[in-house]
Amino acid sequence: MRRNFKVILEPNESGGYTVTVPLLPGCISEGDTREEALTNIKEAIELYIESLEADGEPVPTEERVEEAVVEVTA
């Protein structure tokens, strides 16, 4: 089954990226490049889902959400 998950890519100060999946708590990976980080998080998501299914837990599904960036002056 094909599923889509929103991921958050954050550049690291020392280089590379950290990637998290908001819908899957604790599902995190890293990579030296954006492409490597996305490949690694795909594998992490697959393993996370396998673990949920093995434990008989439901796999969360993405709800349609909108995102926006808000600028503030503080």
N, C-alpha and C. Protein backbone atom coordinates (compact mmCIF):
# COMPACT_ATOMS: atom_id res chain seq x y z
N MET A 1 0.85 -1.18 0.00
CA MET A 1 0.00 0.00 0.00
C MET A 1 0.89 1.24 0.00
N ARG A 2 0.54 2.19 -0.84
CA ARG A 2 1.29 3.44 -0.90
C ARG A 2 0.69 4.43 0.09
N ARG A 3 1.55 5.08 0.84
CA ARG A 3 1.12 6.09 1.80
C ARG A 3 2.01 7.31 1.65
N ASN A 4 1.48 8.47 1.97
CA ASN A 4 2.27 9.70 1.95
C ASN A 4 2.35 10.26 3.37
N PHE A 5 3.54 10.73 3.72
CA PHE A 5 3.75 11.34 5.02
C PHE A 5 4.48 12.66 4.84
N LYS A 6 4.03 13.67 5.57
CA LYS A 6 4.74 14.94 5.57
C LYS A 6 6.00 14.77 6.41
N VAL A 7 7.12 15.25 5.89
CA VAL A 7 8.38 15.21 6.64
C VAL A 7 8.91 16.63 6.78
N ILE A 8 9.67 16.84 7.83
CA ILE A 8 10.29 18.14 8.09
C ILE A 8 11.80 17.98 7.94
N LEU A 9 12.39 18.71 7.00
CA LEU A 9 13.84 18.71 6.77
C LEU A 9 14.43 19.93 7.46
N GLU A 10 15.38 19.70 8.35
CA GLU A 10 16.03 20.82 9.03
C GLU A 10 17.53 20.75 8.79
N PRO A 11 18.11 21.82 8.22
CA PRO A 11 19.55 21.82 8.02
C PRO A 11 20.27 21.86 9.38
N ASN A 12 21.35 21.11 9.49
CA ASN A 12 22.16 21.10 10.71
C ASN A 12 23.25 22.16 10.61
N GLU A 13 23.61 22.74 11.73
CA GLU A 13 24.67 23.75 11.74
C GLU A 13 25.98 23.19 11.22
N SER A 14 26.24 21.92 11.49
CA SER A 14 27.50 21.30 11.09
C SER A 14 27.43 20.71 9.68
N GLY A 15 26.30 20.89 9.00
CA GLY A 15 26.10 20.34 7.67
C GLY A 15 25.15 19.18 7.71
N GLY A 16 24.57 18.85 6.59
CA GLY A 16 23.62 17.76 6.53
C GLY A 16 22.25 18.19 6.99
N TYR A 17 21.37 17.20 7.12
CA TYR A 17 19.97 17.45 7.46
C TYR A 17 19.47 16.45 8.48
N THR A 18 18.56 16.90 9.32
CA THR A 18 17.79 16.03 10.20
C THR A 18 16.36 16.05 9.67
N VAL A 19 15.74 14.87 9.62
CA VAL A 19 14.38 14.76 9.09
C VAL A 19 13.50 14.09 10.13
N THR A 20 12.33 14.67 10.37
CA THR A 20 11.36 14.10 11.29
C THR A 20 10.02 13.93 10.57
N VAL A 21 9.18 13.07 11.16
CA VAL A 21 7.85 12.82 10.61
C VAL A 21 6.85 13.16 11.71
N PRO A 22 6.19 14.31 11.63
CA PRO A 22 5.29 14.73 12.71
C PRO A 22 4.23 13.70 13.08
N LEU A 23 3.73 12.95 12.13
CA LEU A 23 2.67 11.98 12.39
C LEU A 23 3.18 10.72 13.08
N LEU A 24 4.51 10.49 13.03
CA LEU A 24 5.10 9.28 13.61
C LEU A 24 6.11 9.68 14.69
N PRO A 25 5.68 9.83 15.92
CA PRO A 25 6.57 10.28 17.00
C PRO A 25 7.81 9.41 17.11
N GLY A 26 8.97 10.06 17.16
CA GLY A 26 10.22 9.34 17.31
C GLY A 26 10.82 8.86 16.00
N CYS A 27 10.11 9.04 14.90
CA CYS A 27 10.64 8.64 13.59
C CYS A 27 11.51 9.78 13.08
N ILE A 28 12.82 9.55 13.11
CA ILE A 28 13.79 10.59 12.80
C ILE A 28 14.96 9.97 12.06
N SER A 29 15.56 10.73 11.17
CA SER A 29 16.74 10.26 10.46
C SER A 29 17.58 11.47 10.06
N GLU A 30 18.74 11.19 9.50
CA GLU A 30 19.65 12.25 9.07
C GLU A 30 20.29 11.86 7.75
N GLY A 31 20.93 12.82 7.12
CA GLY A 31 21.69 12.57 5.91
C GLY A 31 22.63 13.72 5.64
N ASP A 32 23.69 13.44 4.92
CA ASP A 32 24.66 14.48 4.58
C ASP A 32 24.12 15.44 3.53
N THR A 33 23.22 14.95 2.67
CA THR A 33 22.57 15.78 1.65
C THR A 33 21.06 15.67 1.82
N ARG A 34 20.35 16.56 1.15
CA ARG A 34 18.89 16.52 1.19
C ARG A 34 18.39 15.19 0.66
N GLU A 35 18.96 14.75 -0.46
CA GLU A 35 18.54 13.50 -1.08
C GLU A 35 18.80 12.30 -0.17
N GLU A 36 19.98 12.27 0.45
CA GLU A 36 20.31 11.17 1.36
C GLU A 36 19.37 11.17 2.57
N ALA A 37 19.08 12.35 3.10
CA ALA A 37 18.19 12.45 4.25
C ALA A 37 16.79 11.94 3.90
N LEU A 38 16.31 12.26 2.70
CA LEU A 38 14.98 11.79 2.29
C LEU A 38 14.97 10.29 2.05
N THR A 39 16.04 9.75 1.49
CA THR A 39 16.15 8.30 1.32
C THR A 39 16.15 7.60 2.67
N ASN A 40 16.91 8.15 3.62
CA ASN A 40 17.01 7.55 4.95
C ASN A 40 15.69 7.60 5.71
N ILE A 41 14.95 8.72 5.59
CA ILE A 41 13.69 8.81 6.32
C ILE A 41 12.65 7.89 5.70
N LYS A 42 12.72 7.67 4.40
CA LYS A 42 11.80 6.72 3.77
C LYS A 42 12.00 5.33 4.38
N GLU A 43 13.24 4.92 4.55
CA GLU A 43 13.53 3.62 5.17
C GLU A 43 13.04 3.60 6.62
N ALA A 44 13.28 4.70 7.35
CA ALA A 44 12.84 4.78 8.74
C ALA A 44 11.32 4.67 8.85
N ILE A 45 10.60 5.32 7.94
CA ILE A 45 9.14 5.24 7.94
C ILE A 45 8.67 3.82 7.68
N GLU A 46 9.30 3.16 6.71
CA GLU A 46 8.92 1.78 6.39
C GLU A 46 9.12 0.87 7.60
N LEU A 47 10.25 1.02 8.30
CA LEU A 47 10.52 0.21 9.49
C LEU A 47 9.53 0.54 10.61
N TYR A 48 9.21 1.80 10.78
CA TYR A 48 8.25 2.24 11.79
C TYR A 48 6.89 1.58 11.54
N ILE A 49 6.45 1.62 10.28
CA ILE A 49 5.16 1.01 9.92
C ILE A 49 5.18 -0.50 10.15
N GLU A 50 6.27 -1.15 9.76
CA GLU A 50 6.41 -2.60 9.99
C GLU A 50 6.27 -2.92 11.48
N SER A 51 6.87 -2.10 12.32
CA SER A 51 6.81 -2.31 13.77
C SER A 51 5.38 -2.14 14.28
N LEU A 52 4.69 -1.10 13.81
CA LEU A 52 3.29 -0.89 14.21
C LEU A 52 2.44 -2.09 13.82
N GLU A 53 2.59 -2.53 12.58
CA GLU A 53 1.79 -3.66 12.09
C GLU A 53 2.10 -4.94 12.85
N ALA A 54 3.37 -5.17 13.18
CA ALA A 54 3.76 -6.37 13.93
C ALA A 54 3.14 -6.37 15.32
N ASP A 55 2.97 -5.17 15.89
CA ASP A 55 2.38 -5.04 17.23
C ASP A 55 0.85 -4.93 17.18
N GLY A 56 0.27 -5.02 15.99
CA GLY A 56 -1.18 -4.92 15.85
C GLY A 56 -1.72 -3.51 16.04
N GLU A 57 -0.86 -2.52 15.92
CA GLU A 57 -1.26 -1.12 16.09
C GLU A 57 -1.70 -0.54 14.75
N PRO A 58 -2.63 0.41 14.76
CA PRO A 58 -3.03 1.04 13.50
C PRO A 58 -1.94 1.97 12.98
N VAL A 59 -1.86 2.09 11.68
CA VAL A 59 -0.91 3.01 11.05
C VAL A 59 -1.63 4.34 10.86
N PRO A 60 -1.10 5.43 11.44
CA PRO A 60 -1.75 6.73 11.29
C PRO A 60 -1.80 7.15 9.82
N THR A 61 -2.82 7.90 9.47
CA THR A 61 -2.92 8.43 8.11
C THR A 61 -2.88 9.94 8.16
N GLU A 62 -2.30 10.51 7.12
CA GLU A 62 -2.19 11.97 7.01
C GLU A 62 -3.56 12.56 6.73
N GLU A 63 -3.90 13.56 7.47
CA GLU A 63 -5.10 14.34 7.18
C GLU A 63 -4.66 15.49 6.28
N ARG A 64 -5.57 15.97 5.48
CA ARG A 64 -5.23 17.11 4.63
C ARG A 64 -5.13 18.34 5.51
N VAL A 65 -3.96 18.94 5.49
CA VAL A 65 -3.73 20.14 6.28
C VAL A 65 -3.11 21.21 5.40
N GLU A 66 -3.23 22.42 5.83
CA GLU A 66 -2.58 23.53 5.15
C GLU A 66 -1.52 24.08 6.06
N GLU A 67 -0.43 24.52 5.44
CA GLU A 67 0.63 25.15 6.20
C GLU A 67 0.82 26.56 5.70
N ALA A 68 1.28 27.41 6.58
CA ALA A 68 1.58 28.78 6.21
C ALA A 68 2.74 29.26 7.06
N VAL A 69 3.44 30.24 6.56
CA VAL A 69 4.51 30.88 7.31
C VAL A 69 4.00 32.26 7.70
N VAL A 70 4.14 32.60 8.96
CA VAL A 70 3.68 33.88 9.47
C VAL A 70 4.90 34.66 9.95
N GLU A 71 5.05 35.89 9.48
CA GLU A 71 6.16 36.73 9.91
C GLU A 71 5.71 37.62 11.06
N VAL A 72 6.51 37.67 12.11
CA VAL A 72 6.22 38.54 13.24
C VAL A 72 7.44 39.39 13.54
N THR A 73 7.22 40.52 14.13
CA THR A 73 8.33 41.34 14.60
C THR A 73 8.30 41.32 16.11
N ALA A 74 9.42 40.96 16.68
CA ALA A 74 9.48 40.89 18.14
C ALA A 74 10.78 41.48 18.62
